[in-house]
Amino acid sequence: MANLPTYEYEANLQLNGSSIIAGVDEVGRGPIAGPVYAAAVILSPSHIPLGLNDSKKLSAKQRKLICKDIRKHADVSIASASEREIEKLNILHASHLAMMRAIGGLKSTPDHILIDGNLIPRDLNIPATAIVKGDASCASIAAASIIAKIERDQFMYDLGQQFPGYGWENNVGYPTLQHLKALQDIGITPYHRQTFKPVHNILYQEKN
């Protein structure tokens, strides 16, 4: 059985004087439609949710149960960056913007941030550590990954009801065959990322 994320990163920081530690993760960098979401979570050391894992390794039912537990016992903040912000800034900087917004929305101000990946947002003025594959090894980041995924998946499901045919209820904006066919047959919506290749190519075809 694969190792589950632990509270080891947080515990080591606490031994070195940090008291409020937030885990941060984003979801939605790869889709061609919809915003990018980020979540920030401050777990209680006395309550690490049972079964906590990288959101990608959990079933929808497992994510829902663990999400409920996280929300009950942790300080949680969710934020996003819009399709237009993604186009203006690029997906990396838009992801970092969503992270900054999520951190700013926490009830408590963290004195250290643990971030999934290898880059720290350049405007972050709180000490931070980037952890590659942190959602699979760090409890706070794993919790943030679950919250962010559930929130974005629900947003895309609701959007799919407003814009039928693209399959957003299932593909959550990723370029599946159904989604790409709908782009050709139905057209581009305001929620498509116009700088992403499949969408950009259609816009280029329409102009020429």
N, C-alpha and C. Protein backbone atom coordinates (compact mmCIF):
# COMPACT_ATOMS: atom_id res chain seq x y z
N MET A 1 0.85 -1.20 0.00
CA MET A 1 0.00 0.00 0.00
C MET A 1 0.88 1.25 0.00
N ALA A 2 0.55 2.24 -0.83
CA ALA A 2 1.34 3.47 -0.93
C ALA A 2 1.24 4.26 0.37
N ASN A 3 2.31 4.99 0.67
CA ASN A 3 2.30 5.83 1.86
C ASN A 3 1.31 6.96 1.72
N LEU A 4 0.63 7.28 2.81
CA LEU A 4 -0.31 8.40 2.83
C LEU A 4 0.43 9.67 3.24
N PRO A 5 -0.10 10.83 2.89
CA PRO A 5 0.51 12.09 3.35
C PRO A 5 0.57 12.13 4.88
N THR A 6 1.62 12.74 5.40
CA THR A 6 1.77 12.83 6.86
C THR A 6 1.84 14.29 7.30
N TYR A 7 1.85 14.48 8.61
CA TYR A 7 1.96 15.81 9.21
C TYR A 7 3.42 16.15 9.54
N GLU A 8 4.34 15.43 8.92
CA GLU A 8 5.77 15.56 9.26
C GLU A 8 6.33 16.94 8.91
N TYR A 9 5.99 17.46 7.73
CA TYR A 9 6.47 18.79 7.33
C TYR A 9 6.01 19.84 8.34
N GLU A 10 4.73 19.78 8.68
CA GLU A 10 4.16 20.75 9.61
C GLU A 10 4.80 20.61 11.00
N ALA A 11 4.97 19.38 11.46
CA ALA A 11 5.54 19.13 12.78
C ALA A 11 6.97 19.67 12.87
N ASN A 12 7.76 19.48 11.82
CA ASN A 12 9.13 20.00 11.81
C ASN A 12 9.16 21.52 11.87
N LEU A 13 8.25 22.15 11.15
CA LEU A 13 8.16 23.62 11.19
C LEU A 13 7.77 24.10 12.58
N GLN A 14 6.84 23.39 13.21
CA GLN A 14 6.42 23.76 14.56
C GLN A 14 7.56 23.63 15.56
N LEU A 15 8.39 22.62 15.38
CA LEU A 15 9.57 22.45 16.25
C LEU A 15 10.55 23.61 16.09
N ASN A 16 10.51 24.24 14.91
CA ASN A 16 11.40 25.37 14.63
C ASN A 16 10.74 26.73 14.84
N GLY A 17 9.60 26.73 15.52
CA GLY A 17 9.01 28.00 15.93
C GLY A 17 7.77 28.46 15.19
N SER A 18 7.40 27.81 14.09
CA SER A 18 6.17 28.18 13.39
C SER A 18 4.98 27.60 14.14
N SER A 19 3.89 28.35 14.17
CA SER A 19 2.71 27.85 14.89
C SER A 19 1.49 27.67 14.00
N ILE A 20 1.36 28.52 12.99
CA ILE A 20 0.20 28.43 12.09
C ILE A 20 0.70 28.13 10.68
N ILE A 21 0.45 26.91 10.23
CA ILE A 21 1.00 26.45 8.95
C ILE A 21 -0.15 26.09 8.01
N ALA A 22 -0.12 26.69 6.83
CA ALA A 22 -1.17 26.43 5.83
C ALA A 22 -0.61 25.62 4.67
N GLY A 23 -1.39 24.68 4.20
CA GLY A 23 -1.08 23.97 2.96
C GLY A 23 -1.89 24.56 1.83
N VAL A 24 -1.27 24.70 0.66
CA VAL A 24 -1.94 25.33 -0.48
C VAL A 24 -1.76 24.47 -1.73
N ASP A 25 -2.84 24.32 -2.49
CA ASP A 25 -2.77 23.60 -3.76
C ASP A 25 -3.77 24.21 -4.73
N GLU A 26 -3.51 23.99 -6.01
CA GLU A 26 -4.42 24.49 -7.04
C GLU A 26 -4.93 23.33 -7.88
N VAL A 27 -6.00 23.59 -8.61
CA VAL A 27 -6.54 22.60 -9.54
C VAL A 27 -7.09 23.35 -10.74
N GLY A 28 -6.90 22.75 -11.92
CA GLY A 28 -7.48 23.35 -13.12
C GLY A 28 -6.49 24.06 -14.02
N ARG A 29 -5.23 23.65 -13.99
CA ARG A 29 -4.26 24.28 -14.89
C ARG A 29 -4.38 23.74 -16.31
N GLY A 30 -4.79 22.47 -16.45
CA GLY A 30 -4.81 21.83 -17.76
C GLY A 30 -6.06 22.02 -18.61
N PRO A 31 -7.23 22.29 -18.02
CA PRO A 31 -8.44 22.45 -18.82
C PRO A 31 -8.37 23.61 -19.81
N ILE A 32 -9.22 23.56 -20.82
CA ILE A 32 -9.30 24.65 -21.79
C ILE A 32 -10.52 25.53 -21.50
N ALA A 33 -11.25 25.20 -20.44
CA ALA A 33 -12.41 25.99 -20.05
C ALA A 33 -12.49 26.06 -18.53
N GLY A 34 -13.03 27.16 -18.04
CA GLY A 34 -13.23 27.31 -16.61
C GLY A 34 -12.06 27.97 -15.91
N PRO A 35 -12.31 28.48 -14.70
CA PRO A 35 -11.27 29.13 -13.92
C PRO A 35 -10.30 28.12 -13.32
N VAL A 36 -9.20 28.63 -12.79
CA VAL A 36 -8.29 27.82 -11.98
C VAL A 36 -8.63 28.10 -10.52
N TYR A 37 -8.69 27.05 -9.73
CA TYR A 37 -9.06 27.16 -8.31
C TYR A 37 -7.85 26.88 -7.42
N ALA A 38 -7.85 27.48 -6.24
CA ALA A 38 -6.84 27.17 -5.23
C ALA A 38 -7.52 27.10 -3.87
N ALA A 39 -6.95 26.29 -3.00
CA ALA A 39 -7.44 26.21 -1.62
C ALA A 39 -6.26 26.32 -0.68
N ALA A 40 -6.52 26.93 0.47
CA ALA A 40 -5.54 27.00 1.55
C ALA A 40 -6.18 26.39 2.78
N VAL A 41 -5.45 25.53 3.47
CA VAL A 41 -6.01 24.81 4.62
C VAL A 41 -5.01 24.83 5.77
N ILE A 42 -5.50 25.21 6.95
CA ILE A 42 -4.72 25.09 8.18
C ILE A 42 -5.34 23.96 8.99
N LEU A 43 -4.67 22.82 9.03
CA LEU A 43 -5.18 21.67 9.77
C LEU A 43 -4.92 21.83 11.26
N SER A 44 -5.79 21.26 12.06
CA SER A 44 -5.55 21.17 13.49
C SER A 44 -4.63 19.97 13.74
N PRO A 45 -3.50 20.16 14.45
CA PRO A 45 -2.59 19.03 14.71
C PRO A 45 -3.28 17.88 15.45
N SER A 46 -4.33 18.22 16.18
CA SER A 46 -5.04 17.19 16.95
C SER A 46 -6.11 16.48 16.13
N HIS A 47 -6.31 16.93 14.89
CA HIS A 47 -7.32 16.26 14.06
C HIS A 47 -6.87 16.24 12.60
N ILE A 48 -6.17 15.18 12.23
CA ILE A 48 -5.81 14.94 10.83
C ILE A 48 -6.84 13.97 10.27
N PRO A 49 -7.61 14.39 9.26
CA PRO A 49 -8.70 13.55 8.75
C PRO A 49 -8.25 12.14 8.36
N LEU A 50 -9.01 11.17 8.75
CA LEU A 50 -8.73 9.77 8.44
C LEU A 50 -8.83 9.54 6.93
N GLY A 51 -7.85 8.84 6.37
CA GLY A 51 -7.87 8.53 4.94
C GLY A 51 -7.41 9.66 4.05
N LEU A 52 -6.89 10.74 4.64
CA LEU A 52 -6.43 11.89 3.87
C LEU A 52 -5.38 11.46 2.85
N ASN A 53 -5.57 11.90 1.60
CA ASN A 53 -4.65 11.52 0.53
C ASN A 53 -4.74 12.54 -0.58
N ASP A 54 -3.83 12.45 -1.52
CA ASP A 54 -3.87 13.25 -2.74
C ASP A 54 -5.25 13.07 -3.38
N SER A 55 -5.89 14.18 -3.73
CA SER A 55 -7.27 14.12 -4.26
C SER A 55 -7.38 13.21 -5.48
N LYS A 56 -6.31 13.12 -6.28
CA LYS A 56 -6.35 12.31 -7.51
C LYS A 56 -6.39 10.81 -7.20
N LYS A 57 -6.02 10.44 -5.98
CA LYS A 57 -5.99 9.03 -5.60
C LYS A 57 -7.25 8.59 -4.86
N LEU A 58 -8.19 9.49 -4.71
CA LEU A 58 -9.43 9.19 -3.98
C LEU A 58 -10.62 9.14 -4.92
N SER A 59 -11.61 8.34 -4.57
CA SER A 59 -12.87 8.33 -5.33
C SER A 59 -13.66 9.59 -4.97
N ALA A 60 -14.65 9.90 -5.78
CA ALA A 60 -15.49 11.07 -5.51
C ALA A 60 -16.16 10.95 -4.14
N LYS A 61 -16.60 9.75 -3.79
CA LYS A 61 -17.25 9.52 -2.50
C LYS A 61 -16.27 9.75 -1.35
N GLN A 62 -15.04 9.25 -1.50
CA GLN A 62 -14.02 9.44 -0.47
C GLN A 62 -13.69 10.91 -0.31
N ARG A 63 -13.54 11.61 -1.43
CA ARG A 63 -13.23 13.05 -1.37
C ARG A 63 -14.31 13.81 -0.61
N LYS A 64 -15.56 13.47 -0.90
CA LYS A 64 -16.68 14.17 -0.27
C LYS A 64 -16.68 13.98 1.25
N LEU A 65 -16.44 12.75 1.69
CA LEU A 65 -16.43 12.46 3.13
C LEU A 65 -15.27 13.17 3.83
N ILE A 66 -14.09 13.12 3.20
CA ILE A 66 -12.92 13.75 3.81
C ILE A 66 -13.07 15.27 3.79
N CYS A 67 -13.65 15.80 2.72
CA CYS A 67 -13.89 17.24 2.62
C CYS A 67 -14.76 17.73 3.77
N LYS A 68 -15.79 16.98 4.07
CA LYS A 68 -16.69 17.34 5.17
C LYS A 68 -15.93 17.39 6.49
N ASP A 69 -15.05 16.43 6.69
CA ASP A 69 -14.23 16.36 7.90
C ASP A 69 -13.27 17.54 7.97
N ILE A 70 -12.63 17.85 6.85
CA ILE A 70 -11.69 18.98 6.81
C ILE A 70 -12.40 20.28 7.16
N ARG A 71 -13.55 20.51 6.53
CA ARG A 71 -14.29 21.75 6.76
C ARG A 71 -14.75 21.89 8.21
N LYS A 72 -15.01 20.77 8.85
CA LYS A 72 -15.50 20.79 10.23
C LYS A 72 -14.39 21.18 11.21
N HIS A 73 -13.15 20.77 10.92
CA HIS A 73 -12.08 20.91 11.92
C HIS A 73 -10.95 21.85 11.51
N ALA A 74 -10.93 22.33 10.28
CA ALA A 74 -9.79 23.12 9.81
C ALA A 74 -10.22 24.53 9.38
N ASP A 75 -9.25 25.40 9.26
CA ASP A 75 -9.44 26.74 8.69
C ASP A 75 -9.26 26.58 7.18
N VAL A 76 -10.31 26.85 6.42
CA VAL A 76 -10.32 26.58 4.97
C VAL A 76 -10.67 27.85 4.19
N SER A 77 -9.95 28.09 3.12
CA SER A 77 -10.26 29.20 2.22
C SER A 77 -10.11 28.74 0.78
N ILE A 78 -11.05 29.16 -0.07
CA ILE A 78 -11.05 28.78 -1.49
C ILE A 78 -11.09 30.05 -2.32
N ALA A 79 -10.35 30.05 -3.42
CA ALA A 79 -10.36 31.20 -4.32
C ALA A 79 -10.12 30.72 -5.75
N SER A 80 -10.28 31.63 -6.68
CA SER A 80 -10.07 31.26 -8.09
C SER A 80 -9.50 32.44 -8.87
N ALA A 81 -9.04 32.14 -10.06
CA ALA A 81 -8.67 33.16 -11.04
C ALA A 81 -9.44 32.84 -12.31
N SER A 82 -10.02 33.86 -12.91
CA SER A 82 -10.94 33.68 -14.03
C SER A 82 -10.22 33.36 -15.34
N GLU A 83 -11.03 32.99 -16.31
CA GLU A 83 -10.50 32.70 -17.65
C GLU A 83 -9.78 33.92 -18.23
N ARG A 84 -10.35 35.11 -18.03
CA ARG A 84 -9.72 36.32 -18.55
C ARG A 84 -8.40 36.60 -17.84
N GLU A 85 -8.35 36.32 -16.54
CA GLU A 85 -7.09 36.49 -15.80
C GLU A 85 -6.04 35.49 -16.27
N ILE A 86 -6.48 34.27 -16.58
CA ILE A 86 -5.57 33.26 -17.13
C ILE A 86 -4.99 33.74 -18.46
N GLU A 87 -5.85 34.30 -19.32
CA GLU A 87 -5.41 34.80 -20.62
C GLU A 87 -4.42 35.96 -20.47
N LYS A 88 -4.70 36.83 -19.51
CA LYS A 88 -3.87 38.03 -19.32
C LYS A 88 -2.52 37.70 -18.68
N LEU A 89 -2.53 36.82 -17.69
CA LEU A 89 -1.34 36.59 -16.87
C LEU A 89 -0.52 35.37 -17.30
N ASN A 90 -1.16 34.40 -17.91
CA ASN A 90 -0.72 33.03 -18.21
C ASN A 90 -1.15 32.13 -17.05
N ILE A 91 -1.20 30.84 -17.32
CA ILE A 91 -1.80 29.91 -16.35
C ILE A 91 -0.99 29.81 -15.06
N LEU A 92 0.34 29.88 -15.15
CA LEU A 92 1.15 29.80 -13.93
C LEU A 92 0.87 30.97 -13.00
N HIS A 93 0.92 32.18 -13.54
CA HIS A 93 0.72 33.35 -12.69
C HIS A 93 -0.73 33.47 -12.22
N ALA A 94 -1.67 33.01 -13.04
CA ALA A 94 -3.07 33.00 -12.61
C ALA A 94 -3.26 32.00 -11.47
N SER A 95 -2.58 30.85 -11.55
CA SER A 95 -2.63 29.87 -10.45
C SER A 95 -2.09 30.48 -9.17
N HIS A 96 -0.98 31.20 -9.29
CA HIS A 96 -0.40 31.85 -8.11
C HIS A 96 -1.32 32.94 -7.56
N LEU A 97 -2.01 33.64 -8.45
CA LEU A 97 -2.98 34.65 -8.00
C LEU A 97 -4.09 34.00 -7.19
N ALA A 98 -4.61 32.87 -7.68
CA ALA A 98 -5.65 32.14 -6.95
C ALA A 98 -5.13 31.68 -5.59
N MET A 99 -3.87 31.22 -5.55
CA MET A 99 -3.27 30.81 -4.28
C MET A 99 -3.19 31.98 -3.30
N MET A 100 -2.73 33.13 -3.78
CA MET A 100 -2.61 34.32 -2.93
C MET A 100 -3.97 34.72 -2.38
N ARG A 101 -4.99 34.64 -3.21
CA ARG A 101 -6.35 34.97 -2.76
C ARG A 101 -6.83 33.99 -1.70
N ALA A 102 -6.52 32.71 -1.90
CA ALA A 102 -6.93 31.69 -0.93
C ALA A 102 -6.23 31.92 0.41
N ILE A 103 -4.94 32.20 0.37
CA ILE A 103 -4.19 32.47 1.61
C ILE A 103 -4.77 33.68 2.32
N GLY A 104 -5.08 34.72 1.56
CA GLY A 104 -5.65 35.94 2.13
C GLY A 104 -7.02 35.75 2.74
N GLY A 105 -7.72 34.69 2.35
CA GLY A 105 -9.07 34.44 2.85
C GLY A 105 -9.13 33.61 4.11
N LEU A 106 -7.98 33.14 4.59
CA LEU A 106 -7.97 32.34 5.83
C LEU A 106 -8.33 33.20 7.03
N LYS A 107 -8.99 32.59 8.00
CA LYS A 107 -9.35 33.32 9.23
C LYS A 107 -8.10 33.70 10.02
N SER A 108 -7.12 32.79 10.07
CA SER A 108 -5.86 33.04 10.76
C SER A 108 -4.77 33.36 9.74
N THR A 109 -3.82 34.20 10.13
CA THR A 109 -2.70 34.51 9.25
C THR A 109 -1.58 33.49 9.48
N PRO A 110 -1.23 32.71 8.48
CA PRO A 110 -0.18 31.70 8.66
C PRO A 110 1.19 32.35 8.85
N ASP A 111 2.08 31.66 9.56
CA ASP A 111 3.46 32.13 9.62
C ASP A 111 4.38 31.27 8.74
N HIS A 112 3.79 30.24 8.10
CA HIS A 112 4.53 29.49 7.09
C HIS A 112 3.51 28.83 6.14
N ILE A 113 3.87 28.82 4.87
CA ILE A 113 3.01 28.23 3.84
C ILE A 113 3.73 27.05 3.20
N LEU A 114 3.01 25.95 3.04
CA LEU A 114 3.52 24.79 2.30
C LEU A 114 2.75 24.73 0.97
N ILE A 115 3.47 24.78 -0.13
CA ILE A 115 2.85 24.90 -1.45
C ILE A 115 3.20 23.70 -2.32
N ASP A 116 2.20 23.15 -2.99
CA ASP A 116 2.44 22.04 -3.91
C ASP A 116 3.16 22.55 -5.16
N GLY A 117 4.20 21.84 -5.57
CA GLY A 117 4.93 22.22 -6.77
C GLY A 117 6.35 22.63 -6.47
N ASN A 118 6.95 23.36 -7.42
CA ASN A 118 8.34 23.78 -7.24
C ASN A 118 8.53 25.29 -7.28
N LEU A 119 7.43 26.03 -7.31
CA LEU A 119 7.52 27.49 -7.38
C LEU A 119 6.65 28.14 -6.30
N ILE A 120 7.14 29.24 -5.77
CA ILE A 120 6.41 30.01 -4.76
C ILE A 120 5.94 31.31 -5.41
N PRO A 121 4.67 31.71 -5.22
CA PRO A 121 4.21 32.98 -5.79
C PRO A 121 5.14 34.13 -5.43
N ARG A 122 5.50 34.92 -6.42
CA ARG A 122 6.54 35.94 -6.20
C ARG A 122 6.09 37.05 -5.25
N ASP A 123 4.79 37.28 -5.13
CA ASP A 123 4.30 38.35 -4.26
C ASP A 123 3.99 37.87 -2.84
N LEU A 124 4.26 36.63 -2.55
CA LEU A 124 3.96 36.09 -1.22
C LEU A 124 4.97 36.62 -0.21
N ASN A 125 4.47 37.28 0.85
CA ASN A 125 5.37 37.88 1.84
C ASN A 125 5.39 37.09 3.15
N ILE A 126 5.01 35.83 3.08
CA ILE A 126 5.05 34.92 4.22
C ILE A 126 6.07 33.83 3.89
N PRO A 127 6.90 33.41 4.85
CA PRO A 127 7.84 32.31 4.57
C PRO A 127 7.10 31.10 3.99
N ALA A 128 7.69 30.49 2.99
CA ALA A 128 7.01 29.39 2.30
C ALA A 128 8.00 28.33 1.84
N THR A 129 7.50 27.12 1.71
CA THR A 129 8.28 26.00 1.19
C THR A 129 7.49 25.35 0.06
N ALA A 130 8.12 25.20 -1.09
CA ALA A 130 7.50 24.49 -2.21
C ALA A 130 7.88 23.01 -2.12
N ILE A 131 6.89 22.14 -2.25
CA ILE A 131 7.13 20.70 -2.14
C ILE A 131 6.61 20.02 -3.40
N VAL A 132 7.52 19.47 -4.18
CA VAL A 132 7.12 18.74 -5.40
C VAL A 132 6.31 17.51 -4.99
N LYS A 133 5.16 17.34 -5.62
CA LYS A 133 4.22 16.27 -5.28
C LYS A 133 3.82 16.33 -3.80
N GLY A 134 3.69 17.56 -3.33
CA GLY A 134 3.31 17.76 -1.93
C GLY A 134 1.95 17.22 -1.59
N ASP A 135 1.06 17.14 -2.59
CA ASP A 135 -0.28 16.61 -2.32
C ASP A 135 -0.25 15.13 -1.98
N ALA A 136 0.87 14.46 -2.29
CA ALA A 136 0.99 13.03 -1.98
C ALA A 136 1.81 12.78 -0.71
N SER A 137 2.44 13.83 -0.17
CA SER A 137 3.32 13.62 0.99
C SER A 137 3.01 14.49 2.20
N CYS A 138 2.35 15.61 1.98
CA CYS A 138 2.12 16.59 3.05
C CYS A 138 0.62 16.69 3.35
N ALA A 139 0.25 16.49 4.60
CA ALA A 139 -1.16 16.44 4.98
C ALA A 139 -1.92 17.72 4.65
N SER A 140 -1.33 18.88 4.95
CA SER A 140 -2.03 20.14 4.71
C SER A 140 -2.26 20.39 3.23
N ILE A 141 -1.25 20.05 2.41
CA ILE A 141 -1.40 20.22 0.96
C ILE A 141 -2.41 19.23 0.41
N ALA A 142 -2.39 17.99 0.90
CA ALA A 142 -3.38 17.00 0.46
C ALA A 142 -4.79 17.47 0.77
N ALA A 143 -4.97 18.06 1.95
CA ALA A 143 -6.29 18.59 2.32
C ALA A 143 -6.71 19.70 1.37
N ALA A 144 -5.76 20.59 1.04
CA ALA A 144 -6.06 21.68 0.11
C ALA A 144 -6.40 21.14 -1.27
N SER A 145 -5.73 20.07 -1.69
CA SER A 145 -5.99 19.48 -3.01
C SER A 145 -7.41 18.94 -3.10
N ILE A 146 -7.89 18.36 -2.01
CA ILE A 146 -9.25 17.81 -1.98
C ILE A 146 -10.29 18.93 -2.04
N ILE A 147 -10.09 19.96 -1.22
CA ILE A 147 -11.03 21.09 -1.20
C ILE A 147 -11.09 21.76 -2.56
N ALA A 148 -9.93 22.04 -3.14
CA ALA A 148 -9.89 22.74 -4.43
C ALA A 148 -10.56 21.93 -5.53
N LYS A 149 -10.31 20.63 -5.56
CA LYS A 149 -10.90 19.77 -6.60
C LYS A 149 -12.41 19.70 -6.47
N ILE A 150 -12.90 19.50 -5.26
CA ILE A 150 -14.35 19.40 -5.06
C ILE A 150 -15.04 20.69 -5.48
N GLU A 151 -14.47 21.82 -5.09
CA GLU A 151 -15.08 23.12 -5.42
C GLU A 151 -15.09 23.37 -6.92
N ARG A 152 -13.96 23.10 -7.58
CA ARG A 152 -13.91 23.36 -9.02
C ARG A 152 -14.78 22.38 -9.80
N ASP A 153 -14.76 21.11 -9.40
CA ASP A 153 -15.60 20.11 -10.08
C ASP A 153 -17.07 20.51 -10.00
N GLN A 154 -17.50 20.99 -8.83
CA GLN A 154 -18.90 21.40 -8.66
C GLN A 154 -19.22 22.61 -9.53
N PHE A 155 -18.28 23.56 -9.58
CA PHE A 155 -18.47 24.75 -10.41
C PHE A 155 -18.63 24.35 -11.87
N MET A 156 -17.80 23.42 -12.35
CA MET A 156 -17.87 23.01 -13.75
C MET A 156 -19.12 22.18 -14.02
N TYR A 157 -19.56 21.41 -13.02
CA TYR A 157 -20.82 20.66 -13.17
C TYR A 157 -21.97 21.64 -13.36
N ASP A 158 -22.04 22.65 -12.52
CA ASP A 158 -23.11 23.66 -12.62
C ASP A 158 -23.03 24.40 -13.94
N LEU A 159 -21.82 24.71 -14.38
CA LEU A 159 -21.63 25.40 -15.66
C LEU A 159 -22.08 24.52 -16.82
N GLY A 160 -21.86 23.22 -16.68
CA GLY A 160 -22.28 22.27 -17.70
C GLY A 160 -23.79 22.25 -17.89
N GLN A 161 -24.53 22.56 -16.82
CA GLN A 161 -25.99 22.64 -16.93
C GLN A 161 -26.40 23.87 -17.74
N GLN A 162 -25.61 24.93 -17.64
CA GLN A 162 -25.91 26.17 -18.38
C GLN A 162 -25.46 26.10 -19.83
N PHE A 163 -24.41 25.32 -20.08
CA PHE A 163 -23.86 25.19 -21.43
C PHE A 163 -23.81 23.71 -21.82
N PRO A 164 -24.96 23.13 -22.17
CA PRO A 164 -24.99 21.69 -22.48
C PRO A 164 -24.23 21.38 -23.76
N GLY A 165 -23.74 20.15 -23.81
CA GLY A 165 -23.07 19.67 -25.02
C GLY A 165 -21.57 19.53 -24.91
N TYR A 166 -20.96 20.28 -23.99
CA TYR A 166 -19.50 20.25 -23.85
C TYR A 166 -19.02 19.14 -22.91
N GLY A 167 -19.95 18.58 -22.13
CA GLY A 167 -19.58 17.50 -21.22
C GLY A 167 -18.82 17.95 -19.98
N TRP A 168 -18.99 19.22 -19.62
CA TRP A 168 -18.24 19.74 -18.47
C TRP A 168 -18.61 19.05 -17.16
N GLU A 169 -19.80 18.45 -17.10
CA GLU A 169 -20.19 17.73 -15.89
C GLU A 169 -19.23 16.58 -15.61
N ASN A 170 -18.62 16.05 -16.67
CA ASN A 170 -17.70 14.92 -16.51
C ASN A 170 -16.24 15.27 -16.79
N ASN A 171 -16.00 16.09 -17.82
CA ASN A 171 -14.60 16.38 -18.18
C ASN A 171 -14.04 17.61 -17.48
N VAL A 172 -14.88 18.33 -16.75
CA VAL A 172 -14.54 19.54 -15.98
C VAL A 172 -13.66 20.52 -16.76
N GLY A 173 -13.87 20.57 -18.07
CA GLY A 173 -13.17 21.56 -18.90
C GLY A 173 -11.95 21.03 -19.63
N TYR A 174 -11.57 19.78 -19.36
CA TYR A 174 -10.42 19.21 -20.07
C TYR A 174 -10.80 18.91 -21.53
N PRO A 175 -9.81 18.91 -22.43
CA PRO A 175 -10.11 18.76 -23.87
C PRO A 175 -10.35 17.31 -24.28
N THR A 176 -11.46 16.74 -23.84
CA THR A 176 -11.85 15.39 -24.27
C THR A 176 -12.38 15.46 -25.71
N LEU A 177 -12.58 14.31 -26.32
CA LEU A 177 -13.11 14.28 -27.68
C LEU A 177 -14.47 14.97 -27.76
N GLN A 178 -15.34 14.70 -26.76
CA GLN A 178 -16.67 15.34 -26.74
C GLN A 178 -16.53 16.85 -26.66
N HIS A 179 -15.64 17.31 -25.81
CA HIS A 179 -15.45 18.75 -25.63
C HIS A 179 -14.92 19.40 -26.91
N LEU A 180 -13.94 18.77 -27.53
CA LEU A 180 -13.35 19.33 -28.75
C LEU A 180 -14.35 19.34 -29.90
N LYS A 181 -15.18 18.29 -29.98
CA LYS A 181 -16.21 18.24 -31.02
C LYS A 181 -17.24 19.34 -30.80
N ALA A 182 -17.61 19.56 -29.54
CA ALA A 182 -18.58 20.62 -29.22
C ALA A 182 -18.02 22.00 -29.55
N LEU A 183 -16.74 22.17 -29.36
CA LEU A 183 -16.10 23.45 -29.74
C LEU A 183 -16.32 23.73 -31.22
N GLN A 184 -16.16 22.69 -32.05
CA GLN A 184 -16.35 22.84 -33.49
C GLN A 184 -17.82 23.02 -33.85
N ASP A 185 -18.69 22.23 -33.20
CA ASP A 185 -20.11 22.19 -33.58
C ASP A 185 -20.93 23.32 -32.96
N ILE A 186 -20.65 23.62 -31.70
CA ILE A 186 -21.46 24.61 -30.97
C ILE A 186 -20.75 25.96 -30.91
N GLY A 187 -19.45 25.92 -30.74
CA GLY A 187 -18.68 27.16 -30.69
C GLY A 187 -18.07 27.43 -29.32
N ILE A 188 -17.44 28.57 -29.23
CA ILE A 188 -16.71 28.96 -28.02
C ILE A 188 -17.63 29.72 -27.07
N THR A 189 -17.52 29.43 -25.79
CA THR A 189 -18.30 30.12 -24.76
C THR A 189 -17.42 31.15 -24.06
N PRO A 190 -18.04 32.02 -23.25
CA PRO A 190 -17.23 32.98 -22.48
C PRO A 190 -16.31 32.31 -21.46
N TYR A 191 -16.56 31.03 -21.19
CA TYR A 191 -15.75 30.32 -20.18
C TYR A 191 -14.57 29.57 -20.78
N HIS A 192 -14.40 29.66 -22.09
CA HIS A 192 -13.24 29.03 -22.72
C HIS A 192 -12.02 29.95 -22.61
N ARG A 193 -10.86 29.33 -22.45
CA ARG A 193 -9.60 30.06 -22.33
C ARG A 193 -9.06 30.30 -23.74
N GLN A 194 -9.15 31.53 -24.20
CA GLN A 194 -8.88 31.82 -25.61
C GLN A 194 -7.41 31.71 -26.00
N THR A 195 -6.51 31.68 -25.02
CA THR A 195 -5.09 31.54 -25.33
C THR A 195 -4.64 30.08 -25.34
N PHE A 196 -5.55 29.16 -24.98
CA PHE A 196 -5.20 27.74 -24.99
C PHE A 196 -5.42 27.19 -26.40
N LYS A 197 -4.51 26.33 -26.84
CA LYS A 197 -4.37 25.98 -28.25
C LYS A 197 -5.66 25.57 -28.97
N PRO A 198 -6.45 24.60 -28.48
CA PRO A 198 -7.65 24.21 -29.24
C PRO A 198 -8.63 25.37 -29.45
N VAL A 199 -8.76 26.21 -28.43
CA VAL A 199 -9.67 27.36 -28.52
C VAL A 199 -9.05 28.43 -29.43
N HIS A 200 -7.79 28.70 -29.22
CA HIS A 200 -7.08 29.70 -30.02
C HIS A 200 -7.12 29.34 -31.51
N ASN A 201 -6.95 28.05 -31.82
CA ASN A 201 -6.96 27.60 -33.21
C ASN A 201 -8.30 27.87 -33.88
N ILE A 202 -9.39 27.64 -33.14
CA ILE A 202 -10.73 27.90 -33.70
C ILE A 202 -10.93 29.39 -33.94
N LEU A 203 -10.50 30.21 -32.98
CA LEU A 203 -10.60 31.66 -33.15
C LEU A 203 -9.81 32.12 -34.37
N TYR A 204 -8.65 31.52 -34.57
CA TYR A 204 -7.80 31.87 -35.72
C TYR A 204 -8.49 31.49 -37.03
N GLN A 205 -9.13 30.29 -37.03
CA GLN A 205 -9.84 29.83 -38.23
C GLN A 205 -11.00 30.77 -38.56
N GLU A 206 -11.69 31.25 -37.51
CA GLU A 206 -12.84 32.12 -37.72
C GLU A 206 -12.43 33.47 -38.30
N LYS A 207 -11.21 33.89 -37.97
CA LYS A 207 -10.74 35.20 -38.44
C LYS A 207 -10.18 35.15 -39.85
N ASN A 208 -9.86 33.93 -40.31
CA ASN A 208 -9.21 33.79 -41.64
C ASN A 208 -10.08 32.99 -42.62
